[in-house]
Amino acid sequence: MKTWLKPTLWILAAVLLLAVGAAAGYGAYLTDKVRESAEDSHEELGRGGKSDKRSTAVTPGEDNLSVLIVGVDASAARLEKNEDRSSLSDALILATFNNDEKSVRLLSIPRDTYTYIPEVDRKDKITHAHAYGGIDSTVETVEGLLDIPVDYYARFNFSAFIEVVNAVGGIKYEVPYDLEEQNSEGKDGAIELEEGRQLLNGEEALALARTRKLDSDLARGQRQMELIKAIAREMNSFSSFRNYDNIIDAVGEDLTTNMTFDQMIAFKDYFLKEDGFDFKTMQLNGEGGYAGNGAWYFMTDEESLEKTKDRLRDHLELPEEPEVQEPPG
């Protein structure tokens, strides 16, 4: 089954590009525009400002914390396929930030991961959590899967992706194989790419990000995180810096987050380091399989899941046990 773009590619084009754009002194106009965009995009979680897995609230720029990046396809074509007119989370990436090291880790969570969804009190694909209960349900489900606090979220619709990639002048990327894919309007075979390193425009990068015809969900997740790096490199260039105005327009219309403008700005030190911005990527290992209801799911390898939890907790410098235990039952 075909899927749309995994919009995680430009998480940093909002949460971080907004911070860098203002912090780098691009001028009062851009700073004000970033602030206005951040205010328009702000949406708190139903739980309030602190994760239930935290004993105290965390502060960007002072504490280690996590941000869940949720990519949804709320296009008319996708919603038309869903009778309840709800949107699935087509992409989930958890970013953890270590304030002392100024280091970042990105974990790609396969959309078909079979896990418990508290909103409906049963196991299902993690992508369905958003359709069942929106961003609150998605955050709660990820916290349960990984047993760590999700402090902030950034939710995107894929429609701005093309504009963002085009605004940075395209991205250079090693296309792993020849492919034909849909364009953003769902026309089959509209995008054709040949194997090799090349400059991709927005439509071409979209096609490469969403295709899974010739490899696995895990390979696609890794490719998406590599594309994040490519976009981050372009955004750090002088030519892209001049286009931040256009990028903010593209992202701001399709972003909701519980971060304030000042909290976004606090991430700037991660991206203005002398040795440049970089991050390490992680994936959940597992394989496809069928549950008792006959549906296909991604079954996580338990050993891999436990190691991933440990690595995330280490990066966040959390205690061995969660700060707040879930009540029994």
C-alpha atoms as a PDB file:
ATOM      1  CA  MET A   1       0.000   0.000   0.000  1.00  0.00           C
ATOM      2  CA  LYS A   2       1.346   3.398  -0.964  1.00  0.00           C
ATOM      3  CA  THR A   3       1.844   6.123   1.606  1.00  0.00           C
ATOM      4  CA  TRP A   4       2.383   9.831   1.381  1.00  0.00           C
ATOM      5  CA  LEU A   5       5.435  11.723   2.452  1.00  0.00           C
ATOM      6  CA  LYS A   6       6.977  11.172   5.825  1.00  0.00           C
ATOM      7  CA  PRO A   7       7.085  14.852   6.761  1.00  0.00           C
ATOM      8  CA  THR A   8       9.791  14.409   9.375  1.00  0.00           C
ATOM      9  CA  LEU A   9      12.297  15.653   6.850  1.00  0.00           C
ATOM     10  CA  TRP A  10      11.758  19.219   7.887  1.00  0.00           C
ATOM     11  CA  ILE A  11      11.220  19.052  11.629  1.00  0.00           C
ATOM     12  CA  LEU A  12      14.329  21.175  11.894  1.00  0.00           C
ATOM     13  CA  ALA A  13      12.964  23.504   9.270  1.00  0.00           C
ATOM     14  CA  ALA A  14      10.577  24.713  11.952  1.00  0.00           C
ATOM     15  CA  VAL A  15      11.689  23.995  15.490  1.00  0.00           C
ATOM     16  CA  LEU A  16      15.292  24.771  14.651  1.00  0.00           C
ATOM     17  CA  LEU A  17      15.296  26.902  11.601  1.00  0.00           C
ATOM     18  CA  LEU A  18      12.987  29.308  13.416  1.00  0.00           C
ATOM     19  CA  ALA A  19      15.438  29.435  16.305  1.00  0.00           C
ATOM     20  CA  VAL A  20      18.518  29.850  14.111  1.00  0.00           C
ATOM     21  CA  GLY A  21      16.850  32.421  11.883  1.00  0.00           C
ATOM     22  CA  ALA A  22      16.063  34.729  14.759  1.00  0.00           C
ATOM     23  CA  ALA A  23      19.188  34.020  16.819  1.00  0.00           C
ATOM     24  CA  ALA A  24      21.547  34.661  13.931  1.00  0.00           C
ATOM     25  CA  GLY A  25      20.415  38.271  13.704  1.00  0.00           C
ATOM     26  CA  TYR A  26      18.586  38.203  10.398  1.00  0.00           C
ATOM     27  CA  GLY A  27      16.799  41.349  11.489  1.00  0.00           C
ATOM     28  CA  ALA A  28      13.818  42.579  13.448  1.00  0.00           C
ATOM     29  CA  TYR A  29      11.397  41.799  10.625  1.00  0.00           C
ATOM     30  CA  LEU A  30      12.311  38.111  10.467  1.00  0.00           C
ATOM     31  CA  THR A  31      12.409  37.787  14.247  1.00  0.00           C
ATOM     32  CA  ASP A  32       8.944  39.285  14.498  1.00  0.00           C
ATOM     33  CA  LYS A  33       7.728  37.023  11.719  1.00  0.00           C
ATOM     34  CA  VAL A  34       9.114  33.957  13.485  1.00  0.00           C
ATOM     35  CA  ARG A  35       7.468  35.023  16.721  1.00  0.00           C
ATOM     36  CA  GLU A  36       4.129  35.548  14.970  1.00  0.00           C
ATOM     37  CA  SER A  37       4.393  32.174  13.238  1.00  0.00           C
ATOM     38  CA  ALA A  38       5.234  30.456  16.524  1.00  0.00           C
ATOM     39  CA  GLU A  39       2.280  32.073  18.274  1.00  0.00           C
ATOM     40  CA  ASP A  40      -0.094  31.033  15.488  1.00  0.00           C
ATOM     41  CA  SER A  41       1.209  27.459  15.634  1.00  0.00           C
ATOM     42  CA  HIS A  42       1.012  27.041  19.414  1.00  0.00           C
ATOM     43  CA  GLU A  43      -1.319  24.341  20.748  1.00  0.00           C
ATOM     44  CA  GLU A  44      -0.986  22.835  24.210  1.00  0.00           C
ATOM     45  CA  LEU A  45      -1.526  19.180  25.015  1.00  0.00           C
ATOM     46  CA  GLY A  46      -4.536  18.215  27.046  1.00  0.00           C
ATOM     47  CA  ARG A  47      -2.284  17.017  29.865  1.00  0.00           C
ATOM     48  CA  GLY A  48      -0.852  20.508  30.352  1.00  0.00           C
ATOM     49  CA  GLY A  49       2.777  21.524  30.235  1.00  0.00           C
ATOM     50  CA  LYS A  50       4.488  18.554  31.909  1.00  0.00           C
ATOM     51  CA  SER A  51       4.731  14.882  31.021  1.00  0.00           C
ATOM     52  CA  ASP A  52       3.299  12.489  33.598  1.00  0.00           C
ATOM     53  CA  LYS A  53       6.686  10.784  33.462  1.00  0.00           C
ATOM     54  CA  ARG A  54       8.366  13.907  34.852  1.00  0.00           C
ATOM     55  CA  SER A  55       8.393  14.923  38.502  1.00  0.00           C
ATOM     56  CA  THR A  56       9.208  18.507  37.454  1.00  0.00           C
ATOM     57  CA  ALA A  57       8.869  20.441  34.212  1.00  0.00           C
ATOM     58  CA  VAL A  58      11.872  20.805  31.896  1.00  0.00           C
ATOM     59  CA  THR A  59      13.122  23.963  30.176  1.00  0.00           C
ATOM     60  CA  PRO A  60      14.736  24.111  26.703  1.00  0.00           C
ATOM     61  CA  GLY A  61      18.269  25.450  26.910  1.00  0.00           C
ATOM     62  CA  GLU A  62      18.633  24.284  30.514  1.00  0.00           C
ATOM     63  CA  ASP A  63      17.555  20.632  30.666  1.00  0.00           C
ATOM     64  CA  ASN A  64      17.766  17.449  28.645  1.00  0.00           C
ATOM     65  CA  LEU A  65      14.442  16.886  26.893  1.00  0.00           C
ATOM     66  CA  SER A  66      12.614  15.196  24.053  1.00  0.00           C
ATOM     67  CA  VAL A  67      10.537  16.374  21.095  1.00  0.00           C
ATOM     68  CA  LEU A  68       8.163  14.083  19.198  1.00  0.00           C
ATOM     69  CA  ILE A  69       7.898  14.936  15.503  1.00  0.00           C
ATOM     70  CA  VAL A  70       4.583  13.807  14.055  1.00  0.00           C
ATOM     71  CA  GLY A  71       3.957  13.921  10.328  1.00  0.00           C
ATOM     72  CA  VAL A  72       0.348  13.692   9.175  1.00  0.00           C
ATOM     73  CA  ASP A  73      -1.202  13.695   5.723  1.00  0.00           C
ATOM     74  CA  ALA A  74      -4.350  15.758   6.030  1.00  0.00           C
ATOM     75  CA  SER A  75      -4.696  16.178   2.282  1.00  0.00           C
ATOM     76  CA  ALA A  76      -8.127  15.919   0.698  1.00  0.00           C
ATOM     77  CA  ALA A  77      -7.059  12.791  -1.180  1.00  0.00           C
ATOM     78  CA  ARG A  78      -6.023  11.003   2.005  1.00  0.00           C
ATOM     79  CA  LEU A  79      -9.020  12.129   4.039  1.00  0.00           C
ATOM     80  CA  GLU A  80     -11.341  10.995   1.263  1.00  0.00           C
ATOM     81  CA  LYS A  81     -10.069   7.442   1.796  1.00  0.00           C
ATOM     82  CA  ASN A  82     -10.896   7.544   5.503  1.00  0.00           C
ATOM     83  CA  GLU A  83     -14.602   7.359   6.242  1.00  0.00           C
ATOM     84  CA  ASP A  84     -14.158   9.048   9.610  1.00  0.00           C
ATOM     85  CA  ARG A  85     -12.233  11.898   7.937  1.00  0.00           C
ATOM     86  CA  SER A  86      -9.400  11.530  10.442  1.00  0.00           C
ATOM     87  CA  SER A  87      -5.682  11.685   9.716  1.00  0.00           C
ATOM     88  CA  LEU A  88      -3.108   9.031  10.506  1.00  0.00           C
ATOM     89  CA  SER A  89       0.422   9.817  11.629  1.00  0.00           C
ATOM     90  CA  ASP A  90       2.452   8.914   8.569  1.00  0.00           C
ATOM     91  CA  ALA A  91       5.728   9.667  10.314  1.00  0.00           C
ATOM     92  CA  LEU A  92       6.984   9.496  13.879  1.00  0.00           C
ATOM     93  CA  ILE A  93      10.459  10.557  14.942  1.00  0.00           C
ATOM     94  CA  LEU A  94      11.492  11.096  18.534  1.00  0.00           C
ATOM     95  CA  ALA A  95      14.326  13.601  19.004  1.00  0.00           C
ATOM     96  CA  THR A  96      16.231  13.685  22.301  1.00  0.00           C
ATOM     97  CA  PHE A  97      18.437  16.643  23.255  1.00  0.00           C
ATOM     98  CA  ASN A  98      21.308  16.462  25.748  1.00  0.00           C
ATOM     99  CA  ASN A  99      21.933  19.991  26.972  1.00  0.00           C
ATOM    100  CA  ASP A 100      25.465  19.445  28.330  1.00  0.00           C
ATOM    101  CA  GLU A 101      26.787  17.799  25.166  1.00  0.00           C
ATOM    102  CA  LYS A 102      24.538  19.790  22.819  1.00  0.00           C
ATOM    103  CA  SER A 103      23.936  16.456  21.097  1.00  0.00           C
ATOM    104  CA  VAL A 104      20.810  15.186  19.350  1.00  0.00           C
ATOM    105  CA  ARG A 105      19.496  11.673  18.756  1.00  0.00           C
ATOM    106  CA  LEU A 106      16.713  10.851  16.305  1.00  0.00           C
ATOM    107  CA  LEU A 107      14.703   7.637  16.588  1.00  0.00           C
ATOM    108  CA  SER A 108      12.498   6.601  13.663  1.00  0.00           C
ATOM    109  CA  ILE A 109       9.387   4.698  14.773  1.00  0.00           C
ATOM    110  CA  PRO A 110       7.798   2.603  11.986  1.00  0.00           C
ATOM    111  CA  ARG A 111       4.207   3.682  11.364  1.00  0.00           C
ATOM    112  CA  ASP A 112       2.930   0.073  11.522  1.00  0.00           C
ATOM    113  CA  THR A 113       4.523  -0.680  14.909  1.00  0.00           C
ATOM    114  CA  TYR A 114       2.214  -2.955  16.911  1.00  0.00           C
ATOM    115  CA  THR A 115       1.803  -1.434  20.360  1.00  0.00           C
ATOM    116  CA  TYR A 116      -0.701  -0.608  23.080  1.00  0.00           C
ATOM    117  CA  ILE A 117      -2.820   2.506  22.465  1.00  0.00           C
ATOM    118  CA  PRO A 118      -4.302   3.798  25.749  1.00  0.00           C
ATOM    119  CA  GLU A 119      -6.981   5.847  23.968  1.00  0.00           C
ATOM    120  CA  VAL A 120      -8.759   2.661  22.837  1.00  0.00           C
ATOM    121  CA  ASP A 121      -7.310   0.273  25.443  1.00  0.00           C
ATOM    122  CA  ARG A 122      -5.941  -2.229  22.938  1.00  0.00           C
ATOM    123  CA  LYS A 123      -2.971  -2.916  20.694  1.00  0.00           C
ATOM    124  CA  ASP A 124      -2.944  -1.581  17.158  1.00  0.00           C
ATOM    125  CA  LYS A 125      -0.656   0.145  14.646  1.00  0.00           C
ATOM    126  CA  ILE A 126       0.913   3.187  16.237  1.00  0.00           C
ATOM    127  CA  THR A 127      -0.146   5.260  13.217  1.00  0.00           C
ATOM    128  CA  HIS A 128      -3.775   4.809  14.325  1.00  0.00           C
ATOM    129  CA  ALA A 129      -3.199   6.572  17.641  1.00  0.00           C
ATOM    130  CA  HIS A 130      -3.556   9.961  15.952  1.00  0.00           C
ATOM    131  CA  ALA A 131      -6.801   8.972  14.235  1.00  0.00           C
ATOM    132  CA  TYR A 132      -8.198   7.717  17.551  1.00  0.00           C
ATOM    133  CA  GLY A 133      -7.305  10.707  19.703  1.00  0.00           C
ATOM    134  CA  GLY A 134      -5.140  13.240  17.905  1.00  0.00           C
ATOM    135  CA  ILE A 135      -1.778  14.434  19.137  1.00  0.00           C
ATOM    136  CA  ASP A 136      -2.574  13.695  22.800  1.00  0.00           C
ATOM    137  CA  SER A 137      -3.176  10.034  21.994  1.00  0.00           C
ATOM    138  CA  THR A 138      -0.010   9.844  19.901  1.00  0.00           C
ATOM    139  CA  VAL A 139       2.168  11.346  22.636  1.00  0.00           C
ATOM    140  CA  GLU A 140       0.706   9.029  25.276  1.00  0.00           C
ATOM    141  CA  THR A 141       1.232   5.988  23.058  1.00  0.00           C
ATOM    142  CA  VAL A 142       4.880   6.832  22.317  1.00  0.00           C
ATOM    143  CA  GLU A 143       5.557   7.422  26.006  1.00  0.00           C
ATOM    144  CA  GLY A 144       4.151   3.974  26.752  1.00  0.00           C
ATOM    145  CA  LEU A 145       6.127   2.281  23.980  1.00  0.00           C
ATOM    146  CA  LEU A 146       9.487   3.807  24.922  1.00  0.00           C
ATOM    147  CA  ASP A 147       8.920   4.395  28.666  1.00  0.00           C
ATOM    148  CA  ILE A 148      10.373   7.910  28.535  1.00  0.00           C
ATOM    149  CA  PRO A 149       8.788  11.363  28.785  1.00  0.00           C
ATOM    150  CA  VAL A 150       7.743  13.159  25.609  1.00  0.00           C
ATOM    151  CA  ASP A 151       8.203  16.776  26.647  1.00  0.00           C
ATOM    152  CA  TYR A 152       7.271  18.595  23.455  1.00  0.00           C
ATOM    153  CA  TYR A 153       5.780  17.809  20.087  1.00  0.00           C
ATOM    154  CA  ALA A 154       5.837  19.312  16.601  1.00  0.00           C
ATOM    155  CA  ARG A 155       3.140  18.157  14.179  1.00  0.00           C
ATOM    156  CA  PHE A 156       3.357  18.831  10.453  1.00  0.00           C
ATOM    157  CA  ASN A 157       1.256  18.297   7.386  1.00  0.00           C
ATOM    158  CA  PHE A 158       3.264  17.165   4.351  1.00  0.00           C
ATOM    159  CA  SER A 159       1.955  19.883   2.018  1.00  0.00           C
ATOM    160  CA  ALA A 160       4.698  22.399   2.924  1.00  0.00           C
ATOM    161  CA  PHE A 161       7.544  19.998   2.195  1.00  0.00           C
ATOM    162  CA  ILE A 162       7.928  20.850  -1.473  1.00  0.00           C
ATOM    163  CA  GLU A 163       8.059  24.576  -0.739  1.00  0.00           C
ATOM    164  CA  VAL A 164      10.682  24.085   1.976  1.00  0.00           C
ATOM    165  CA  VAL A 165      13.009  22.017  -0.210  1.00  0.00           C
ATOM    166  CA  ASN A 166      12.618  24.451  -3.078  1.00  0.00           C
ATOM    167  CA  ALA A 167      13.225  27.418  -0.766  1.00  0.00           C
ATOM    168  CA  VAL A 168      16.652  26.031   0.199  1.00  0.00           C
ATOM    169  CA  GLY A 169      17.503  25.564  -3.484  1.00  0.00           C
ATOM    170  CA  GLY A 170      16.994  21.800  -3.473  1.00  0.00           C
ATOM    171  CA  ILE A 171      19.060  19.148  -1.721  1.00  0.00           C
ATOM    172  CA  LYS A 172      21.934  17.024  -2.983  1.00  0.00           C
ATOM    173  CA  TYR A 173      21.397  13.335  -2.370  1.00  0.00           C
ATOM    174  CA  GLU A 174      22.644   9.928  -3.548  1.00  0.00           C
ATOM    175  CA  VAL A 175      19.532   8.299  -5.006  1.00  0.00           C
ATOM    176  CA  PRO A 176      19.930   4.572  -4.223  1.00  0.00           C
ATOM    177  CA  TYR A 177      18.104   3.184  -7.261  1.00  0.00           C
ATOM    178  CA  ASP A 178      15.991   4.110 -10.294  1.00  0.00           C
ATOM    179  CA  LEU A 179      12.405   4.760  -9.307  1.00  0.00           C
ATOM    180  CA  GLU A 180       9.034   5.975 -10.477  1.00  0.00           C
ATOM    181  CA  GLU A 181       6.667   7.480  -7.938  1.00  0.00           C
ATOM    182  CA  GLN A 182       3.588   9.583  -7.453  1.00  0.00           C
ATOM    183  CA  ASN A 183       3.805  13.338  -7.371  1.00  0.00           C
ATOM    184  CA  SER A 184       2.185  15.433  -4.649  1.00  0.00           C
ATOM    185  CA  GLU A 185      -1.165  15.277  -6.438  1.00  0.00           C
ATOM    186  CA  GLY A 186      -1.183  11.476  -6.432  1.00  0.00           C
ATOM    187  CA  LYS A 187      -0.458  10.985 -10.141  1.00  0.00           C
ATOM    188  CA  ASP A 188       1.311   7.629 -10.562  1.00  0.00           C
ATOM    189  CA  GLY A 189       4.674   7.612 -12.338  1.00  0.00           C
ATOM    190  CA  ALA A 190       4.880  11.399 -12.498  1.00  0.00           C
ATOM    191  CA  ILE A 191       8.310  11.463 -10.828  1.00  0.00           C
ATOM    192  CA  GLU A 192      11.196   9.530 -12.381  1.00  0.00           C
ATOM    193  CA  LEU A 193      14.641   9.419 -10.778  1.00  0.00           C
ATOM    194  CA  GLU A 194      17.825   7.660 -11.817  1.00  0.00           C
ATOM    195  CA  GLU A 195      20.354   6.127  -9.456  1.00  0.00           C
ATOM    196  CA  GLY A 196      23.209   8.434  -8.453  1.00  0.00           C
ATOM    197  CA  ARG A 197      24.024  11.688  -6.671  1.00  0.00           C
ATOM    198  CA  GLN A 198      21.978  14.634  -7.884  1.00  0.00           C
ATOM    199  CA  LEU A 199      20.178  17.815  -6.915  1.00  0.00           C
ATOM    200  CA  LEU A 200      16.572  17.074  -5.958  1.00  0.00           C
ATOM    201  CA  ASN A 201      13.767  19.602  -6.070  1.00  0.00           C
ATOM    202  CA  GLY A 202      10.809  19.422  -3.714  1.00  0.00           C
ATOM    203  CA  GLU A 203       8.694  17.019  -5.766  1.00  0.00           C
ATOM    204  CA  GLU A 204      11.647  14.693  -6.358  1.00  0.00           C
ATOM    205  CA  ALA A 205      12.663  14.680  -2.687  1.00  0.00           C
ATOM    206  CA  LEU A 206       9.042  13.945  -1.773  1.00  0.00           C
ATOM    207  CA  ALA A 207       8.999  10.932  -4.074  1.00  0.00           C
ATOM    208  CA  LEU A 208      12.262   9.585  -2.649  1.00  0.00           C
ATOM    209  CA  ALA A 209      11.070  10.112   0.922  1.00  0.00           C
ATOM    210  CA  ARG A 210       7.840   8.222   0.528  1.00  0.00           C
ATOM    211  CA  THR A 211       8.774   5.337  -1.766  1.00  0.00           C
ATOM    212  CA  ARG A 212       9.103   1.849  -0.349  1.00  0.00           C
ATOM    213  CA  LYS A 213       8.726  -0.185  -3.502  1.00  0.00           C
ATOM    214  CA  LEU A 214      12.312  -1.452  -3.605  1.00  0.00           C
ATOM    215  CA  ASP A 215      13.266  -1.624   0.052  1.00  0.00           C
ATOM    216  CA  SER A 216      11.813  -1.968   3.546  1.00  0.00           C
ATOM    217  CA  ASP A 217      10.144   0.355   6.032  1.00  0.00           C
ATOM    218  CA  LEU A 218      13.371   0.317   8.039  1.00  0.00           C
ATOM    219  CA  ALA A 219      15.433   1.333   5.004  1.00  0.00           C
ATOM    220  CA  ARG A 220      12.938   4.072   4.231  1.00  0.00           C
ATOM    221  CA  GLY A 221      13.147   5.360   7.796  1.00  0.00           C
ATOM    222  CA  GLN A 222      16.926   5.528   7.560  1.00  0.00           C
ATOM    223  CA  ARG A 223      16.697   7.303   4.205  1.00  0.00           C
ATOM    224  CA  GLN A 224      14.318   9.877   5.647  1.00  0.00           C
ATOM    225  CA  MET A 225      16.720  10.672   8.474  1.00  0.00           C
ATOM    226  CA  GLU A 226      19.582  11.024   5.986  1.00  0.00           C
ATOM    227  CA  LEU A 227      17.424  13.469   4.038  1.00  0.00           C
ATOM    228  CA  ILE A 228      16.939  15.427   7.265  1.00  0.00           C
ATOM    229  CA  LYS A 229      20.699  15.854   7.436  1.00  0.00           C
ATOM    230  CA  ALA A 230      20.801  16.998   3.812  1.00  0.00           C
ATOM    231  CA  ILE A 231      18.143  19.626   4.473  1.00  0.00           C
ATOM    232  CA  ALA A 232      19.866  20.741   7.683  1.00  0.00           C
ATOM    233  CA  ARG A 233      23.119  21.259   5.767  1.00  0.00           C
ATOM    234  CA  GLU A 234      21.380  23.370   3.160  1.00  0.00           C
ATOM    235  CA  MET A 235      19.612  25.447   5.807  1.00  0.00           C
ATOM    236  CA  ASN A 236      22.956  26.244   7.402  1.00  0.00           C
ATOM    237  CA  SER A 237      24.287  27.678   4.131  1.00  0.00           C
ATOM    238  CA  PHE A 238      24.306  31.386   3.383  1.00  0.00           C
ATOM    239  CA  SER A 239      22.123  31.026   0.297  1.00  0.00           C
ATOM    240  CA  SER A 240      19.401  29.306   2.302  1.00  0.00           C
ATOM    241  CA  PHE A 241      19.729  31.871   5.067  1.00  0.00           C
ATOM    242  CA  ARG A 242      18.483  34.494   2.631  1.00  0.00           C
ATOM    243  CA  ASN A 243      15.390  32.351   2.006  1.00  0.00           C
ATOM    244  CA  TYR A 244      14.305  31.866   5.633  1.00  0.00           C
ATOM    245  CA  ASP A 245      11.416  34.225   5.013  1.00  0.00           C
ATOM    246  CA  ASN A 246       9.938  31.840   2.439  1.00  0.00           C
ATOM    247  CA  ILE A 247      10.697  28.773   4.554  1.00  0.00           C
ATOM    248  CA  ILE A 248       8.883  30.229   7.544  1.00  0.00           C
ATOM    249  CA  ASP A 249       5.855  30.911   5.349  1.00  0.00           C
ATOM    250  CA  ALA A 250       5.885  27.305   4.122  1.00  0.00           C
ATOM    251  CA  VAL A 251       6.297  25.703   7.538  1.00  0.00           C
ATOM    252  CA  GLY A 252       4.194  28.040   9.630  1.00  0.00           C
ATOM    253  CA  GLU A 253       0.942  27.213   7.872  1.00  0.00           C
ATOM    254  CA  ASP A 254       1.308  23.480   8.517  1.00  0.00           C
ATOM    255  CA  LEU A 255       2.809  23.308  12.004  1.00  0.00           C
ATOM    256  CA  THR A 256       1.307  22.902  15.452  1.00  0.00           C
ATOM    257  CA  THR A 257       3.486  22.615  18.547  1.00  0.00           C
ATOM    258  CA  ASN A 258       3.311  23.101  22.297  1.00  0.00           C
ATOM    259  CA  MET A 259       6.586  25.061  22.180  1.00  0.00           C
ATOM    260  CA  THR A 260       6.534  28.819  22.576  1.00  0.00           C
ATOM    261  CA  PHE A 261       8.708  31.213  20.592  1.00  0.00           C
ATOM    262  CA  ASP A 262      11.158  31.600  23.485  1.00  0.00           C
ATOM    263  CA  GLN A 263      11.399  27.832  23.886  1.00  0.00           C
ATOM    264  CA  MET A 264      12.189  27.433  20.189  1.00  0.00           C
ATOM    265  CA  ILE A 265      14.925  30.058  20.419  1.00  0.00           C
ATOM    266  CA  ALA A 266      16.492  28.129  23.309  1.00  0.00           C
ATOM    267  CA  PHE A 267      17.448  25.335  20.865  1.00  0.00           C
ATOM    268  CA  LYS A 268      19.806  27.634  18.946  1.00  0.00           C
ATOM    269  CA  ASP A 269      23.001  26.445  20.662  1.00  0.00           C
ATOM    270  CA  TYR A 270      22.510  22.959  19.227  1.00  0.00           C
ATOM    271  CA  PHE A 271      22.809  24.398  15.730  1.00  0.00           C
ATOM    272  CA  LEU A 272      25.346  27.162  16.118  1.00  0.00           C
ATOM    273  CA  LYS A 273      28.201  25.007  17.434  1.00  0.00           C
ATOM    274  CA  GLU A 274      31.705  25.599  16.076  1.00  0.00           C
ATOM    275  CA  ASP A 275      31.845  22.069  14.663  1.00  0.00           C
ATOM    276  CA  GLY A 276      28.410  22.486  13.078  1.00  0.00           C
ATOM    277  CA  PHE A 277      25.070  20.852  13.703  1.00  0.00           C
ATOM    278  CA  ASP A 278      24.944  17.062  13.601  1.00  0.00           C
ATOM    279  CA  PHE A 279      22.929  14.244  15.104  1.00  0.00           C
ATOM    280  CA  LYS A 280      22.929  10.478  15.394  1.00  0.00           C
ATOM    281  CA  THR A 281      20.097   8.361  14.078  1.00  0.00           C
ATOM    282  CA  MET A 282      18.491   5.274  15.581  1.00  0.00           C
ATOM    283  CA  GLN A 283      15.879   2.755  14.469  1.00  0.00           C
ATOM    284  CA  LEU A 284      13.697   0.123  16.074  1.00  0.00           C
ATOM    285  CA  ASN A 285      14.521  -3.337  14.757  1.00  0.00           C
ATOM    286  CA  GLY A 286      11.868  -5.916  14.040  1.00  0.00           C
ATOM    287  CA  GLU A 287       9.998  -7.585  11.228  1.00  0.00           C
ATOM    288  CA  GLY A 288       6.589  -7.731   9.631  1.00  0.00           C
ATOM    289  CA  GLY A 289       4.026 -10.177  10.913  1.00  0.00           C
ATOM    290  CA  TYR A 290       0.346 -10.858  11.423  1.00  0.00           C
ATOM    291  CA  ALA A 291      -1.541 -10.455  14.690  1.00  0.00           C
ATOM    292  CA  GLY A 292      -4.540 -12.479  15.801  1.00  0.00           C
ATOM    293  CA  ASN A 293      -6.913 -10.269  13.810  1.00  0.00           C
ATOM    294  CA  GLY A 294      -5.143 -11.152  10.560  1.00  0.00           C
ATOM    295  CA  ALA A 295      -3.778  -7.643   9.961  1.00  0.00           C
ATOM    296  CA  TRP A 296      -0.133  -6.967   9.079  1.00  0.00           C
ATOM    297  CA  TYR A 297       2.006  -5.129  11.631  1.00  0.00           C
ATOM    298  CA  PHE A 298       5.616  -4.259  12.349  1.00  0.00           C
ATOM    299  CA  MET A 299       6.606  -6.410  15.327  1.00  0.00           C
ATOM    300  CA  THR A 300       9.454  -4.840  17.292  1.00  0.00           C
ATOM    301  CA  ASP A 301      12.287  -7.053  18.451  1.00  0.00           C
ATOM    302  CA  GLU A 302      12.052  -6.974  22.256  1.00  0.00           C
ATOM    303  CA  GLU A 303      15.808  -6.976  22.800  1.00  0.00           C
ATOM    304  CA  SER A 304      16.230  -4.117  20.337  1.00  0.00           C
ATOM    305  CA  LEU A 305      13.382  -2.204  21.987  1.00  0.00           C
ATOM    306  CA  GLU A 306      14.949  -2.547  25.448  1.00  0.00           C
ATOM    307  CA  LYS A 307      18.354  -1.415  24.153  1.00  0.00           C
ATOM    308  CA  THR A 308      16.722   1.551  22.453  1.00  0.00           C
ATOM    309  CA  LYS A 309      14.967   2.535  25.670  1.00  0.00           C
ATOM    310  CA  ASP A 310      18.282   2.348  27.540  1.00  0.00           C
ATOM    311  CA  ARG A 311      20.060   4.498  24.947  1.00  0.00           C
ATOM    312  CA  LEU A 312      17.338   7.139  25.039  1.00  0.00           C
ATOM    313  CA  ARG A 313      17.272   7.191  28.829  1.00  0.00           C
ATOM    314  CA  ASP A 314      21.063   7.480  28.915  1.00  0.00           C
ATOM    315  CA  HIS A 315      20.999  10.387  26.476  1.00  0.00           C
ATOM    316  CA  LEU A 316      18.347  12.138  28.539  1.00  0.00           C
ATOM    317  CA  GLU A 317      20.258  11.184  31.704  1.00  0.00           C
ATOM    318  CA  LEU A 318      17.115   9.781  33.266  1.00  0.00           C
ATOM    319  CA  PRO A 319      17.260   7.561  36.357  1.00  0.00           C
ATOM    320  CA  GLU A 320      17.114   3.812  35.841  1.00  0.00           C
ATOM    321  CA  GLU A 321      13.427   3.766  36.767  1.00  0.00           C
ATOM    322  CA  PRO A 322      10.808   6.243  35.446  1.00  0.00           C
ATOM    323  CA  GLU A 323      10.380   9.263  37.669  1.00  0.00           C
ATOM    324  CA  VAL A 324       6.627   8.659  37.845  1.00  0.00           C
ATOM    325  CA  GLN A 325       5.283   5.119  37.692  1.00  0.00           C
ATOM    326  CA  GLU A 326       2.025   4.416  35.900  1.00  0.00           C
ATOM    327  CA  PRO A 327      -0.743   3.254  38.269  1.00  0.00           C
ATOM    328  CA  PRO A 328      -1.478  -0.491  38.155  1.00  0.00           C
ATOM    329  CA  GLY A 329      -4.315  -1.725  36.021  1.00  0.00           C
END
